[in-house]
């Protein structure tokens, strides 16, 4: 099993968008991959990882 860990220096710097691009590119070449976002900073309301992924 391989994994990627995406991190950034602040909120709203593109970690989710970049992660989504990596996931999509790997899926396009047939790699089975799952994204997981364990938390979201600076959210006024709870945001589930699926919703964050779909929002890009």
N, C-alpha and C. Protein backbone atom coordinates (compact mmCIF):
# COMPACT_ATOMS: atom_id res chain seq x y z
N UNK A 1 0.85 -1.18 0.00
CA UNK A 1 0.00 0.00 0.00
C UNK A 1 0.89 1.24 0.00
N UNK A 2 0.60 2.16 -0.88
CA UNK A 2 1.30 3.44 -0.93
C UNK A 2 0.36 4.53 -0.44
N UNK A 3 0.93 5.63 0.00
CA UNK A 3 0.07 6.73 0.44
C UNK A 3 0.74 8.07 0.13
N UNK A 4 -0.09 9.09 0.05
CA UNK A 4 0.35 10.47 -0.12
C UNK A 4 -0.18 11.24 1.08
N UNK A 5 0.61 12.15 1.59
CA UNK A 5 0.17 13.04 2.66
C UNK A 5 0.33 14.46 2.15
N UNK A 6 -0.79 15.16 2.03
CA UNK A 6 -0.77 16.53 1.51
C UNK A 6 -0.90 17.48 2.69
N UNK A 7 -0.01 18.45 2.77
CA UNK A 7 -0.05 19.43 3.84
C UNK A 7 0.23 20.82 3.25
N UNK A 8 -0.14 21.84 3.98
CA UNK A 8 0.08 23.21 3.52
C UNK A 8 0.42 24.11 4.68
N UNK A 9 0.74 25.33 4.37
CA UNK A 9 1.18 26.28 5.39
C UNK A 9 0.05 27.07 6.03
N UNK A 10 -1.16 26.97 5.47
CA UNK A 10 -2.27 27.77 5.98
C UNK A 10 -3.57 27.17 5.46
N UNK A 11 -4.69 27.75 5.87
CA UNK A 11 -5.97 27.36 5.31
C UNK A 11 -6.15 28.06 3.97
N UNK A 12 -7.00 27.48 3.13
CA UNK A 12 -7.36 28.06 1.83
C UNK A 12 -6.14 28.26 0.92
N UNK A 13 -5.24 27.27 0.91
CA UNK A 13 -4.07 27.35 0.03
C UNK A 13 -4.13 26.33 -1.10
N UNK A 14 -5.20 25.53 -1.15
CA UNK A 14 -5.39 24.61 -2.27
C UNK A 14 -5.09 23.15 -1.99
N UNK A 15 -5.03 22.76 -0.72
CA UNK A 15 -4.72 21.36 -0.39
C UNK A 15 -5.80 20.42 -0.92
N UNK A 16 -7.05 20.75 -0.72
CA UNK A 16 -8.14 19.90 -1.18
C UNK A 16 -8.19 19.85 -2.69
N UNK A 17 -8.04 20.98 -3.33
CA UNK A 17 -8.06 21.03 -4.80
C UNK A 17 -6.89 20.23 -5.37
N UNK A 18 -5.72 20.41 -4.80
CA UNK A 18 -4.55 19.66 -5.26
C UNK A 18 -4.71 18.16 -5.03
N UNK A 19 -5.24 17.81 -3.88
CA UNK A 19 -5.47 16.39 -3.58
C UNK A 19 -6.47 15.78 -4.54
N UNK A 20 -7.50 16.53 -4.82
CA UNK A 20 -8.52 16.04 -5.76
C UNK A 20 -7.91 15.83 -7.14
N UNK A 21 -7.04 16.72 -7.58
CA UNK A 21 -6.38 16.58 -8.88
C UNK A 21 -5.51 15.32 -8.91
N UNK A 22 -4.77 15.07 -7.84
CA UNK A 22 -3.94 13.87 -7.76
C UNK A 22 -4.82 12.61 -7.82
N UNK A 23 -5.88 12.60 -7.04
CA UNK A 23 -6.79 11.45 -7.02
C UNK A 23 -7.38 11.21 -8.40
N UNK A 24 -7.85 12.26 -9.04
CA UNK A 24 -8.48 12.13 -10.34
C UNK A 24 -7.48 11.64 -11.39
N UNK A 25 -6.26 12.16 -11.36
CA UNK A 25 -5.24 11.74 -12.32
C UNK A 25 -4.91 10.26 -12.14
N UNK A 26 -4.79 9.81 -10.90
CA UNK A 26 -4.50 8.40 -10.65
C UNK A 26 -5.67 7.51 -11.04
N UNK A 27 -6.89 7.95 -10.79
CA UNK A 27 -8.06 7.18 -11.21
C UNK A 27 -8.11 7.06 -12.73
N UNK A 28 -7.73 8.12 -13.42
CA UNK A 28 -7.75 8.11 -14.89
C UNK A 28 -6.81 7.07 -15.49
N UNK A 29 -5.77 6.69 -14.76
CA UNK A 29 -4.85 5.67 -15.28
C UNK A 29 -5.11 4.31 -14.63
N UNK A 30 -6.24 4.19 -13.95
CA UNK A 30 -6.67 2.90 -13.43
C UNK A 30 -6.24 2.54 -12.03
N UNK A 31 -5.67 3.48 -11.31
CA UNK A 31 -5.25 3.23 -9.93
C UNK A 31 -6.48 3.31 -9.02
N UNK A 32 -6.65 2.31 -8.16
CA UNK A 32 -7.73 2.36 -7.17
C UNK A 32 -7.23 3.20 -6.00
N UNK A 33 -7.90 4.29 -5.74
CA UNK A 33 -7.44 5.24 -4.73
C UNK A 33 -8.63 5.81 -3.97
N UNK A 34 -8.40 6.13 -2.72
CA UNK A 34 -9.43 6.72 -1.87
C UNK A 34 -8.84 7.96 -1.21
N UNK A 35 -9.59 9.04 -1.24
CA UNK A 35 -9.18 10.26 -0.55
C UNK A 35 -9.81 10.31 0.84
N UNK A 36 -9.10 10.89 1.78
CA UNK A 36 -9.61 11.01 3.14
C UNK A 36 -9.17 12.35 3.71
N UNK A 37 -10.14 13.14 4.14
CA UNK A 37 -9.84 14.42 4.76
C UNK A 37 -10.36 14.35 6.20
N UNK A 38 -9.48 14.12 7.17
CA UNK A 38 -9.93 13.88 8.53
C UNK A 38 -10.49 15.11 9.25
N UNK A 39 -10.14 16.30 8.80
CA UNK A 39 -10.65 17.50 9.44
C UNK A 39 -10.60 18.67 8.47
N UNK A 40 -11.35 19.69 8.81
CA UNK A 40 -11.36 20.91 8.01
C UNK A 40 -11.27 22.09 8.97
N UNK A 41 -10.25 22.90 8.83
CA UNK A 41 -10.05 24.06 9.70
C UNK A 41 -10.90 25.24 9.25
N UNK A 42 -11.18 26.11 10.17
CA UNK A 42 -11.87 27.37 9.90
C UNK A 42 -13.26 27.18 9.31
N UNK A 43 -13.95 26.13 9.70
CA UNK A 43 -15.31 25.90 9.23
C UNK A 43 -16.29 26.35 10.30
N UNK A 44 -17.30 27.09 9.89
CA UNK A 44 -18.32 27.51 10.85
C UNK A 44 -19.26 26.36 11.18
N UNK A 45 -19.50 25.48 10.20
CA UNK A 45 -20.36 24.33 10.39
C UNK A 45 -19.56 23.07 10.06
N UNK A 46 -19.95 21.93 10.62
CA UNK A 46 -19.24 20.69 10.29
C UNK A 46 -19.28 20.43 8.79
N UNK A 47 -18.17 19.94 8.26
CA UNK A 47 -18.08 19.62 6.84
C UNK A 47 -17.51 18.22 6.72
N UNK A 48 -18.29 17.31 6.18
CA UNK A 48 -17.83 15.94 6.03
C UNK A 48 -16.85 15.85 4.87
N UNK A 49 -15.92 14.91 4.93
CA UNK A 49 -14.87 14.79 3.93
C UNK A 49 -15.43 14.59 2.53
N UNK A 50 -16.55 13.89 2.39
CA UNK A 50 -17.14 13.69 1.07
C UNK A 50 -17.60 15.03 0.50
N UNK A 51 -18.22 15.86 1.31
CA UNK A 51 -18.67 17.17 0.85
C UNK A 51 -17.49 18.04 0.46
N UNK A 52 -16.42 18.00 1.24
CA UNK A 52 -15.23 18.79 0.93
C UNK A 52 -14.62 18.35 -0.39
N UNK A 53 -14.58 17.05 -0.61
CA UNK A 53 -14.01 16.52 -1.85
C UNK A 53 -14.85 16.96 -3.04
N UNK A 54 -16.17 16.89 -2.92
CA UNK A 54 -17.05 17.26 -4.02
C UNK A 54 -16.99 18.76 -4.31
N UNK A 55 -16.74 19.57 -3.30
CA UNK A 55 -16.65 21.01 -3.50
C UNK A 55 -15.35 21.39 -4.19
N UNK A 56 -14.34 20.53 -4.06
CA UNK A 56 -13.03 20.80 -4.68
C UNK A 56 -12.36 21.89 -3.96
